[in-house]
Amino acid sequence: MKYLFILLLFLFGCNPYKNLFYQTINERTPEEQASAIKYMRNENIPERHIKLIVNGQIQIGFSYNEVTWAWGYPDSENETKSQNYTWTQAVYRYRVPKTYLYFENNILTDIQTVSY
């Protein structure tokens, strides 16, 4: 029980990185942005990726986490798994234009936009 409390406290109470994955980097205060960038550097995210993320941009080759830092979480996801691969379609329904992102093993492989 003691360890469960400590884990919950870390996850929801005193974890300085807890909000890194729930907001785009541009929705954060300057202090939170600096903390997010420090975290990305500690995770060995390439500097060129960090610059794109800070500007709200993505590119083929980004990890799923890098995309969510830049754009936030998708509105919906579809996932297919096999023994060796996981394919994910992330739908950003409310972006203009509506965008579908395709990931293979959590790496962005294709971007599809839909114009109305």
N, C-alpha and C. Protein backbone atom coordinates (compact mmCIF):
# COMPACT_ATOMS: atom_id res chain seq x y z
N MET A 1 0.83 -1.19 0.00
CA MET A 1 0.00 0.00 0.00
C MET A 1 0.88 1.26 0.00
N LYS A 2 1.95 1.23 0.76
CA LYS A 2 2.87 2.36 0.84
C LYS A 2 3.45 2.67 -0.53
N TYR A 3 3.84 1.63 -1.28
CA TYR A 3 4.44 1.84 -2.59
C TYR A 3 3.42 2.35 -3.59
N LEU A 4 2.18 1.90 -3.48
CA LEU A 4 1.13 2.38 -4.36
C LEU A 4 0.92 3.88 -4.13
N PHE A 5 0.91 4.30 -2.87
CA PHE A 5 0.76 5.71 -2.55
C PHE A 5 1.91 6.53 -3.14
N ILE A 6 3.11 6.04 -3.00
CA ILE A 6 4.29 6.75 -3.53
C ILE A 6 4.20 6.85 -5.05
N LEU A 7 3.81 5.76 -5.70
CA LEU A 7 3.65 5.77 -7.15
C LEU A 7 2.59 6.78 -7.57
N LEU A 8 1.44 6.77 -6.91
CA LEU A 8 0.38 7.72 -7.25
C LEU A 8 0.81 9.16 -7.00
N LEU A 9 1.52 9.38 -5.92
CA LEU A 9 2.03 10.71 -5.62
C LEU A 9 2.98 11.17 -6.72
N PHE A 10 3.86 10.28 -7.16
CA PHE A 10 4.79 10.64 -8.22
C PHE A 10 4.06 10.95 -9.52
N LEU A 11 3.10 10.10 -9.88
CA LEU A 11 2.40 10.26 -11.15
C LEU A 11 1.50 11.48 -11.18
N PHE A 12 0.84 11.79 -10.06
CA PHE A 12 -0.17 12.83 -10.07
C PHE A 12 0.13 14.02 -9.17
N GLY A 13 1.11 13.89 -8.30
CA GLY A 13 1.32 14.96 -7.34
C GLY A 13 2.59 15.74 -7.51
N CYS A 14 3.70 15.07 -7.69
CA CYS A 14 4.97 15.81 -7.69
C CYS A 14 5.83 15.52 -8.91
N ASN A 15 5.27 14.93 -9.93
CA ASN A 15 6.03 14.63 -11.14
C ASN A 15 6.12 15.89 -12.01
N PRO A 16 7.31 16.47 -12.17
CA PRO A 16 7.41 17.70 -12.95
C PRO A 16 7.12 17.50 -14.44
N TYR A 17 7.14 16.25 -14.91
CA TYR A 17 6.89 15.99 -16.31
C TYR A 17 5.49 15.48 -16.60
N LYS A 18 4.60 15.48 -15.60
CA LYS A 18 3.30 14.83 -15.79
C LYS A 18 2.47 15.45 -16.89
N ASN A 19 2.62 16.76 -17.14
CA ASN A 19 1.80 17.40 -18.16
C ASN A 19 2.48 17.46 -19.52
N LEU A 20 3.68 16.93 -19.65
CA LEU A 20 4.39 17.03 -20.91
C LEU A 20 3.65 16.37 -22.06
N PHE A 21 2.87 15.35 -21.77
CA PHE A 21 2.26 14.59 -22.83
C PHE A 21 0.81 14.95 -23.07
N TYR A 22 0.27 15.91 -22.31
CA TYR A 22 -1.14 16.25 -22.43
C TYR A 22 -1.37 17.57 -23.14
N GLN A 23 -0.34 18.34 -23.37
CA GLN A 23 -0.46 19.62 -24.05
C GLN A 23 0.61 19.69 -25.13
N THR A 24 0.30 20.48 -26.17
CA THR A 24 1.36 20.75 -27.12
C THR A 24 2.34 21.69 -26.42
N ILE A 25 3.52 21.76 -26.93
CA ILE A 25 4.54 22.58 -26.28
C ILE A 25 4.16 24.07 -26.31
N ASN A 26 3.42 24.48 -27.33
CA ASN A 26 3.02 25.89 -27.44
C ASN A 26 1.92 26.28 -26.45
N GLU A 27 1.26 25.33 -25.84
CA GLU A 27 0.20 25.60 -24.87
C GLU A 27 0.76 25.74 -23.45
N ARG A 28 2.05 25.66 -23.30
CA ARG A 28 2.66 25.67 -21.98
C ARG A 28 3.24 27.03 -21.65
N THR A 29 3.45 27.26 -20.37
CA THR A 29 4.13 28.48 -19.94
C THR A 29 5.59 28.39 -20.36
N PRO A 30 6.30 29.52 -20.38
CA PRO A 30 7.72 29.46 -20.73
C PRO A 30 8.53 28.52 -19.84
N GLU A 31 8.19 28.47 -18.55
CA GLU A 31 8.90 27.56 -17.64
C GLU A 31 8.63 26.11 -18.01
N GLU A 32 7.37 25.80 -18.34
CA GLU A 32 7.01 24.44 -18.74
C GLU A 32 7.66 24.08 -20.07
N GLN A 33 7.74 25.04 -20.98
CA GLN A 33 8.41 24.79 -22.26
C GLN A 33 9.88 24.46 -22.04
N ALA A 34 10.53 25.22 -21.17
CA ALA A 34 11.94 24.96 -20.88
C ALA A 34 12.12 23.58 -20.27
N SER A 35 11.20 23.21 -19.38
CA SER A 35 11.24 21.88 -18.75
C SER A 35 11.03 20.79 -19.80
N ALA A 36 10.09 21.01 -20.73
CA ALA A 36 9.82 20.03 -21.78
C ALA A 36 11.03 19.87 -22.70
N ILE A 37 11.66 20.97 -23.05
CA ILE A 37 12.84 20.91 -23.92
C ILE A 37 13.98 20.19 -23.20
N LYS A 38 14.15 20.46 -21.93
CA LYS A 38 15.17 19.76 -21.14
C LYS A 38 14.90 18.26 -21.13
N TYR A 39 13.63 17.90 -20.94
CA TYR A 39 13.25 16.49 -20.93
C TYR A 39 13.56 15.85 -22.29
N MET A 40 13.22 16.53 -23.38
CA MET A 40 13.48 15.99 -24.72
C MET A 40 14.98 15.79 -24.94
N ARG A 41 15.77 16.74 -24.49
CA ARG A 41 17.23 16.60 -24.64
C ARG A 41 17.74 15.42 -23.82
N ASN A 42 17.20 15.24 -22.61
CA ASN A 42 17.58 14.09 -21.78
C ASN A 42 17.19 12.77 -22.42
N GLU A 43 16.13 12.80 -23.23
CA GLU A 43 15.68 11.59 -23.94
C GLU A 43 16.40 11.42 -25.28
N ASN A 44 17.41 12.26 -25.54
CA ASN A 44 18.21 12.21 -26.77
C ASN A 44 17.41 12.46 -28.04
N ILE A 45 16.40 13.33 -27.93
CA ILE A 45 15.65 13.76 -29.12
C ILE A 45 16.57 14.69 -29.90
N PRO A 46 16.74 14.48 -31.21
CA PRO A 46 17.62 15.33 -32.00
C PRO A 46 17.20 16.81 -31.94
N GLU A 47 18.16 17.70 -31.93
CA GLU A 47 17.88 19.14 -31.86
C GLU A 47 16.99 19.60 -33.01
N ARG A 48 17.19 19.05 -34.20
CA ARG A 48 16.35 19.46 -35.34
C ARG A 48 14.90 19.07 -35.09
N HIS A 49 14.65 17.95 -34.41
CA HIS A 49 13.28 17.56 -34.07
C HIS A 49 12.72 18.52 -33.03
N ILE A 50 13.53 18.88 -32.04
CA ILE A 50 13.06 19.78 -30.98
C ILE A 50 12.65 21.12 -31.59
N LYS A 51 13.43 21.64 -32.54
CA LYS A 51 13.08 22.91 -33.18
C LYS A 51 11.75 22.82 -33.91
N LEU A 52 11.51 21.71 -34.60
CA LEU A 52 10.23 21.53 -35.28
C LEU A 52 9.08 21.42 -34.28
N ILE A 53 9.29 20.65 -33.21
CA ILE A 53 8.26 20.46 -32.19
C ILE A 53 7.87 21.80 -31.58
N VAL A 54 8.86 22.61 -31.24
CA VAL A 54 8.60 23.93 -30.64
C VAL A 54 7.76 24.79 -31.58
N ASN A 55 7.93 24.61 -32.89
CA ASN A 55 7.15 25.37 -33.87
C ASN A 55 5.85 24.68 -34.26
N GLY A 56 5.50 23.58 -33.58
CA GLY A 56 4.25 22.89 -33.86
C GLY A 56 4.25 22.13 -35.17
N GLN A 57 5.45 21.74 -35.63
CA GLN A 57 5.57 21.03 -36.90
C GLN A 57 6.00 19.59 -36.65
N ILE A 58 5.64 18.73 -37.60
CA ILE A 58 6.04 17.32 -37.54
C ILE A 58 6.65 16.93 -38.87
N GLN A 59 7.31 15.77 -38.89
CA GLN A 59 7.86 15.25 -40.14
C GLN A 59 7.94 13.73 -40.07
N ILE A 60 8.02 13.12 -41.23
CA ILE A 60 8.20 11.67 -41.32
C ILE A 60 9.44 11.30 -40.52
N GLY A 61 9.35 10.22 -39.74
CA GLY A 61 10.47 9.77 -38.92
C GLY A 61 10.33 10.15 -37.46
N PHE A 62 9.38 11.05 -37.14
CA PHE A 62 9.13 11.40 -35.74
C PHE A 62 8.57 10.19 -35.01
N SER A 63 8.86 10.11 -33.72
CA SER A 63 8.23 9.09 -32.89
C SER A 63 6.82 9.55 -32.53
N TYR A 64 6.02 8.63 -32.02
CA TYR A 64 4.67 8.97 -31.60
C TYR A 64 4.72 10.08 -30.54
N ASN A 65 5.64 9.98 -29.58
CA ASN A 65 5.75 11.00 -28.53
C ASN A 65 6.11 12.36 -29.11
N GLU A 66 7.01 12.40 -30.07
CA GLU A 66 7.39 13.67 -30.68
C GLU A 66 6.18 14.33 -31.35
N VAL A 67 5.37 13.53 -32.01
CA VAL A 67 4.16 14.07 -32.65
C VAL A 67 3.21 14.63 -31.60
N THR A 68 3.01 13.91 -30.51
CA THR A 68 2.07 14.41 -29.49
C THR A 68 2.61 15.65 -28.79
N TRP A 69 3.93 15.79 -28.67
CA TRP A 69 4.48 17.03 -28.12
C TRP A 69 4.19 18.20 -29.05
N ALA A 70 4.26 17.97 -30.35
CA ALA A 70 4.04 19.04 -31.32
C ALA A 70 2.56 19.34 -31.53
N TRP A 71 1.72 18.30 -31.63
CA TRP A 71 0.32 18.47 -32.00
C TRP A 71 -0.67 18.09 -30.90
N GLY A 72 -0.21 17.52 -29.81
CA GLY A 72 -1.15 17.01 -28.81
C GLY A 72 -1.63 15.62 -29.21
N TYR A 73 -2.48 15.05 -28.36
CA TYR A 73 -3.00 13.71 -28.66
C TYR A 73 -4.01 13.76 -29.79
N PRO A 74 -4.10 12.70 -30.60
CA PRO A 74 -5.08 12.67 -31.68
C PRO A 74 -6.50 12.56 -31.13
N ASP A 75 -7.45 12.90 -31.98
CA ASP A 75 -8.86 12.80 -31.60
C ASP A 75 -9.31 11.35 -31.53
N SER A 76 -8.70 10.50 -32.36
CA SER A 76 -8.98 9.06 -32.29
C SER A 76 -7.81 8.30 -32.88
N GLU A 77 -7.78 7.01 -32.57
CA GLU A 77 -6.70 6.14 -33.07
C GLU A 77 -7.28 4.80 -33.48
N ASN A 78 -6.65 4.21 -34.47
CA ASN A 78 -6.94 2.84 -34.88
C ASN A 78 -5.61 2.10 -34.87
N GLU A 79 -5.60 0.92 -34.27
CA GLU A 79 -4.33 0.19 -34.12
C GLU A 79 -4.49 -1.24 -34.60
N THR A 80 -3.48 -1.71 -35.31
CA THR A 80 -3.42 -3.10 -35.77
C THR A 80 -2.08 -3.67 -35.32
N LYS A 81 -2.12 -4.86 -34.74
CA LYS A 81 -0.89 -5.49 -34.25
C LYS A 81 -0.68 -6.84 -34.90
N SER A 82 0.58 -7.15 -35.17
CA SER A 82 0.98 -8.49 -35.59
C SER A 82 2.08 -8.92 -34.64
N GLN A 83 2.69 -10.03 -34.92
CA GLN A 83 3.73 -10.54 -34.03
C GLN A 83 4.92 -9.58 -33.95
N ASN A 84 5.28 -8.96 -35.07
CA ASN A 84 6.47 -8.12 -35.10
C ASN A 84 6.21 -6.64 -35.29
N TYR A 85 4.99 -6.25 -35.63
CA TYR A 85 4.71 -4.86 -35.97
C TYR A 85 3.45 -4.37 -35.29
N THR A 86 3.42 -3.06 -35.10
CA THR A 86 2.21 -2.37 -34.67
C THR A 86 2.01 -1.21 -35.63
N TRP A 87 0.84 -1.14 -36.24
CA TRP A 87 0.49 -0.04 -37.12
C TRP A 87 -0.58 0.79 -36.43
N THR A 88 -0.38 2.09 -36.43
CA THR A 88 -1.34 2.98 -35.79
C THR A 88 -1.72 4.08 -36.76
N GLN A 89 -3.03 4.33 -36.84
CA GLN A 89 -3.54 5.47 -37.59
C GLN A 89 -4.04 6.47 -36.55
N ALA A 90 -3.47 7.65 -36.51
CA ALA A 90 -3.89 8.71 -35.59
C ALA A 90 -4.68 9.72 -36.39
N VAL A 91 -5.88 10.04 -35.92
CA VAL A 91 -6.77 10.96 -36.63
C VAL A 91 -6.83 12.28 -35.89
N TYR A 92 -6.43 13.34 -36.57
CA TYR A 92 -6.55 14.70 -36.05
C TYR A 92 -7.72 15.34 -36.80
N ARG A 93 -8.91 15.07 -36.31
CA ARG A 93 -10.16 15.42 -36.95
C ARG A 93 -10.38 16.94 -36.98
N TYR A 94 -9.92 17.64 -35.95
CA TYR A 94 -10.25 19.05 -35.82
C TYR A 94 -9.14 19.97 -36.29
N ARG A 95 -8.10 19.41 -36.87
CA ARG A 95 -7.07 20.25 -37.50
C ARG A 95 -7.58 20.66 -38.87
N VAL A 96 -7.10 21.77 -39.37
CA VAL A 96 -7.47 22.19 -40.71
C VAL A 96 -6.20 22.16 -41.55
N PRO A 97 -6.13 21.32 -42.59
CA PRO A 97 -7.13 20.32 -42.95
C PRO A 97 -7.06 19.09 -42.03
N LYS A 98 -8.15 18.32 -42.02
CA LYS A 98 -8.20 17.07 -41.25
C LYS A 98 -7.01 16.21 -41.67
N THR A 99 -6.34 15.61 -40.67
CA THR A 99 -5.08 14.92 -40.96
C THR A 99 -5.08 13.51 -40.37
N TYR A 100 -4.60 12.56 -41.16
CA TYR A 100 -4.38 11.20 -40.72
C TYR A 100 -2.87 10.96 -40.69
N LEU A 101 -2.39 10.46 -39.56
CA LEU A 101 -0.98 10.13 -39.44
C LEU A 101 -0.86 8.62 -39.31
N TYR A 102 0.12 8.04 -39.97
CA TYR A 102 0.32 6.60 -39.95
C TYR A 102 1.67 6.27 -39.33
N PHE A 103 1.64 5.41 -38.33
CA PHE A 103 2.84 5.02 -37.60
C PHE A 103 3.08 3.53 -37.78
N GLU A 104 4.34 3.15 -37.92
CA GLU A 104 4.74 1.75 -37.90
C GLU A 104 5.72 1.61 -36.75
N ASN A 105 5.36 0.77 -35.77
CA ASN A 105 6.15 0.60 -34.55
C ASN A 105 6.51 1.96 -33.92
N ASN A 106 5.50 2.82 -33.83
CA ASN A 106 5.59 4.14 -33.19
C ASN A 106 6.46 5.15 -33.92
N ILE A 107 6.77 4.91 -35.20
CA ILE A 107 7.50 5.86 -36.02
C ILE A 107 6.59 6.35 -37.14
N LEU A 108 6.49 7.67 -37.29
CA LEU A 108 5.63 8.26 -38.31
C LEU A 108 6.15 7.91 -39.70
N THR A 109 5.27 7.26 -40.49
CA THR A 109 5.68 6.83 -41.84
C THR A 109 4.92 7.54 -42.95
N ASP A 110 3.75 8.12 -42.64
CA ASP A 110 2.96 8.78 -43.69
C ASP A 110 2.04 9.81 -43.08
N ILE A 111 1.79 10.87 -43.84
CA ILE A 111 0.87 11.94 -43.45
C ILE A 111 -0.13 12.13 -44.57
N GLN A 112 -1.42 12.08 -44.23
CA GLN A 112 -2.47 12.26 -45.23
C GLN A 112 -3.39 13.37 -44.76
N THR A 113 -3.61 14.36 -45.62
CA THR A 113 -4.55 15.44 -45.28
C THR A 113 -5.80 15.30 -46.16
N VAL A 114 -6.91 15.70 -45.59
CA VAL A 114 -8.19 15.63 -46.30
C VAL A 114 -8.78 17.03 -46.37
N SER A 115 -8.95 17.52 -47.58
CA SER A 115 -9.56 18.83 -47.78
C SER A 115 -11.04 18.63 -48.10
N TYR A 116 -11.83 19.56 -47.64
CA TYR A 116 -13.28 19.46 -47.88
C TYR A 116 -13.68 20.25 -49.08
